[in-house]
Amino acid sequence: MRVGFVEGASIDEIEVGMSASYSQTITDADVKGFAGISGDRNPVHLDEEYAQESRFNKRIAHGLLSASFFSAILGTQLPGRGCVYASQTLSFKRPVYIGDTVTAVVTVTSVDVERKRVIFDTKCLVSGKTVISGVAEIFIP
């Protein structure tokens, strides 16, 4: 099975079962930077004392920070350059903490050559456990 494309795959090269992944360890700077970009300054992300009193017992990363890794894969690996999101569903299963390494994985589940669309199963994992799952629909140039 071929995995990922740096330069972008044509619709004819994409097959069900192809997958690609991206991993990143979440840092305090990532969380603060995402809060600044998104405007989401919820204290459960930024205030350790507040977060200690929450159900999570410590600060958690924004769910959409981890979910944004799907875009990194889809725009640079599989299918790659020029593709555009049509939709993305997300289900947040577990929290992601500062210091966790998140691995985002996308897997082709359907290819519509005529409409130039590809459907992907998307998931983020921390220590082998799913923290986010969903489905993405991508337009191919």
Protein backbone atom coordinates (compact mmCIF):
# COMPACT_ATOMS: atom_id res chain seq x y z
CA MET A 1 0.00 0.00 0.00
CA ARG A 2 1.35 3.44 -0.92
CA VAL A 3 1.40 5.92 1.93
CA GLY A 4 1.19 9.70 1.45
CA PHE A 5 2.28 12.07 -1.28
CA VAL A 6 4.43 15.16 -0.78
CA GLU A 7 3.60 16.76 -4.13
CA GLY A 8 -0.08 15.84 -4.22
CA ALA A 9 -1.87 12.84 -5.64
CA SER A 10 -4.19 12.87 -8.59
CA ILE A 11 -7.60 11.33 -8.02
CA ASP A 12 -6.55 8.32 -10.12
CA GLU A 13 -3.65 7.54 -7.76
CA ILE A 14 -5.73 7.45 -4.58
CA GLU A 15 -7.00 4.07 -3.39
CA VAL A 16 -9.15 2.88 -0.49
CA GLY A 17 -6.90 1.88 2.40
CA MET A 18 -4.14 4.43 1.76
CA SER A 19 -3.16 6.29 4.91
CA ALA A 20 -0.77 8.88 6.25
CA SER A 21 0.06 10.21 9.70
CA TYR A 22 1.58 13.14 11.55
CA SER A 23 2.80 13.29 15.17
CA GLN A 24 3.48 16.23 17.44
CA THR A 25 4.06 16.63 21.16
CA ILE A 26 1.78 19.31 22.61
CA THR A 27 3.66 22.07 24.45
CA ASP A 28 2.61 24.94 26.68
CA ALA A 29 3.61 27.29 23.83
CA ASP A 30 1.32 25.40 21.42
CA VAL A 31 -1.66 25.79 23.76
CA LYS A 32 -0.97 29.48 24.41
CA GLY A 33 -0.40 30.12 20.70
CA PHE A 34 -3.63 28.35 19.76
CA ALA A 35 -5.51 30.37 22.40
CA GLY A 36 -4.14 33.55 20.84
CA ILE A 37 -5.03 32.54 17.29
CA SER A 38 -8.45 31.09 18.07
CA GLY A 39 -9.51 33.50 20.81
CA ASP A 40 -10.42 30.51 23.02
CA ARG A 41 -8.96 31.54 26.36
CA ASN A 42 -10.95 29.05 28.44
CA PRO A 43 -9.08 28.74 31.77
CA VAL A 44 -9.12 24.93 31.55
CA HIS A 45 -6.50 25.42 28.81
CA LEU A 46 -4.50 28.29 30.32
CA ASP A 47 -4.86 28.44 34.12
CA GLU A 48 -3.28 25.59 36.09
CA GLU A 49 -5.09 26.41 39.34
CA TYR A 50 -8.47 26.52 37.60
CA ALA A 51 -7.73 23.32 35.67
CA GLN A 52 -6.76 21.48 38.89
CA GLU A 53 -10.32 22.01 40.11
CA SER A 54 -11.82 20.78 36.82
CA ARG A 55 -12.79 17.22 35.94
CA PHE A 56 -9.40 16.89 34.17
CA ASN A 57 -7.24 17.81 37.22
CA LYS A 58 -4.76 19.70 35.03
CA ARG A 59 -4.64 21.84 31.92
CA ILE A 60 -5.82 20.31 28.67
CA ALA A 61 -5.06 21.26 25.09
CA HIS A 62 -7.81 22.64 22.87
CA GLY A 63 -9.50 19.78 21.01
CA LEU A 64 -9.27 21.67 17.75
CA LEU A 65 -5.51 22.03 18.17
CA SER A 66 -5.11 18.27 17.83
CA ALA A 67 -7.80 18.10 15.13
CA SER A 68 -5.88 20.67 13.09
CA PHE A 69 -3.21 18.02 12.48
CA PHE A 70 -5.62 16.41 9.98
CA SER A 71 -5.24 19.51 7.84
CA ALA A 72 -1.45 19.17 7.99
CA ILE A 73 -1.68 15.63 6.61
CA LEU A 74 -4.36 16.28 4.01
CA GLY A 75 -2.70 19.42 2.66
CA THR A 76 0.87 18.10 2.47
CA GLN A 77 0.83 14.30 2.31
CA LEU A 78 -2.37 12.57 1.29
CA PRO A 79 -3.88 13.74 -0.99
CA GLY A 80 -1.51 16.72 -0.76
CA ARG A 81 -1.06 20.04 -2.49
CA GLY A 82 -4.19 21.77 -3.76
CA CYS A 83 -6.81 19.71 -1.95
CA VAL A 84 -9.53 21.54 -0.04
CA TYR A 85 -11.74 20.49 2.87
CA ALA A 86 -15.44 20.00 2.08
CA SER A 87 -16.34 18.76 5.58
CA GLN A 88 -14.99 17.26 8.79
CA THR A 89 -16.85 15.58 11.64
CA LEU A 90 -15.20 15.31 15.05
CA SER A 91 -15.92 13.30 18.17
CA PHE A 92 -13.77 14.13 21.19
CA LYS A 93 -13.20 10.93 23.19
CA ARG A 94 -10.47 11.79 25.72
CA PRO A 95 -8.55 14.90 26.80
CA VAL A 96 -5.10 15.75 25.47
CA TYR A 97 -2.69 17.10 28.07
CA ILE A 98 0.38 19.27 27.69
CA GLY A 99 3.28 16.90 27.08
CA ASP A 100 1.15 14.31 25.25
CA THR A 101 2.31 13.21 21.81
CA VAL A 102 -0.64 13.22 19.44
CA THR A 103 -0.55 11.07 16.31
CA ALA A 104 -3.13 12.04 13.70
CA VAL A 105 -3.97 9.37 11.11
CA VAL A 106 -6.08 9.67 7.96
CA THR A 107 -7.21 6.64 5.96
CA VAL A 108 -9.00 6.66 2.61
CA THR A 109 -12.40 4.98 2.86
CA SER A 110 -14.00 6.10 -0.41
CA VAL A 111 -12.94 7.67 -3.72
CA ASP A 112 -15.41 9.40 -6.07
CA VAL A 113 -13.42 9.97 -9.27
CA GLU A 114 -16.28 11.66 -11.10
CA ARG A 115 -16.89 14.27 -8.38
CA LYS A 116 -13.16 14.46 -7.44
CA ARG A 117 -13.88 13.80 -3.76
CA VAL A 118 -12.20 11.51 -1.29
CA ILE A 119 -13.59 10.42 2.08
CA PHE A 120 -11.19 9.74 4.95
CA ASP A 121 -11.53 8.15 8.37
CA THR A 122 -9.69 10.52 10.70
CA LYS A 123 -8.41 9.85 14.19
CA CYS A 124 -5.96 11.23 16.73
CA LEU A 125 -4.25 8.90 19.17
CA VAL A 126 -2.29 9.40 22.38
CA SER A 127 -0.41 6.35 23.65
CA GLY A 128 -2.45 4.16 21.30
CA LYS A 129 -5.81 5.40 22.60
CA THR A 130 -8.22 7.33 20.37
CA VAL A 131 -8.71 10.89 21.59
CA ILE A 132 -10.54 12.20 18.48
CA SER A 133 -12.36 10.39 15.70
CA GLY A 134 -14.20 11.62 12.66
CA VAL A 135 -14.68 11.67 8.91
CA ALA A 136 -13.29 14.14 6.37
CA GLU A 137 -14.46 14.85 2.84
CA ILE A 138 -11.82 16.42 0.60
CA PHE A 139 -12.02 18.00 -2.87
CA ILE A 140 -9.12 17.02 -5.15
CA PRO A 141 -7.88 19.54 -7.77
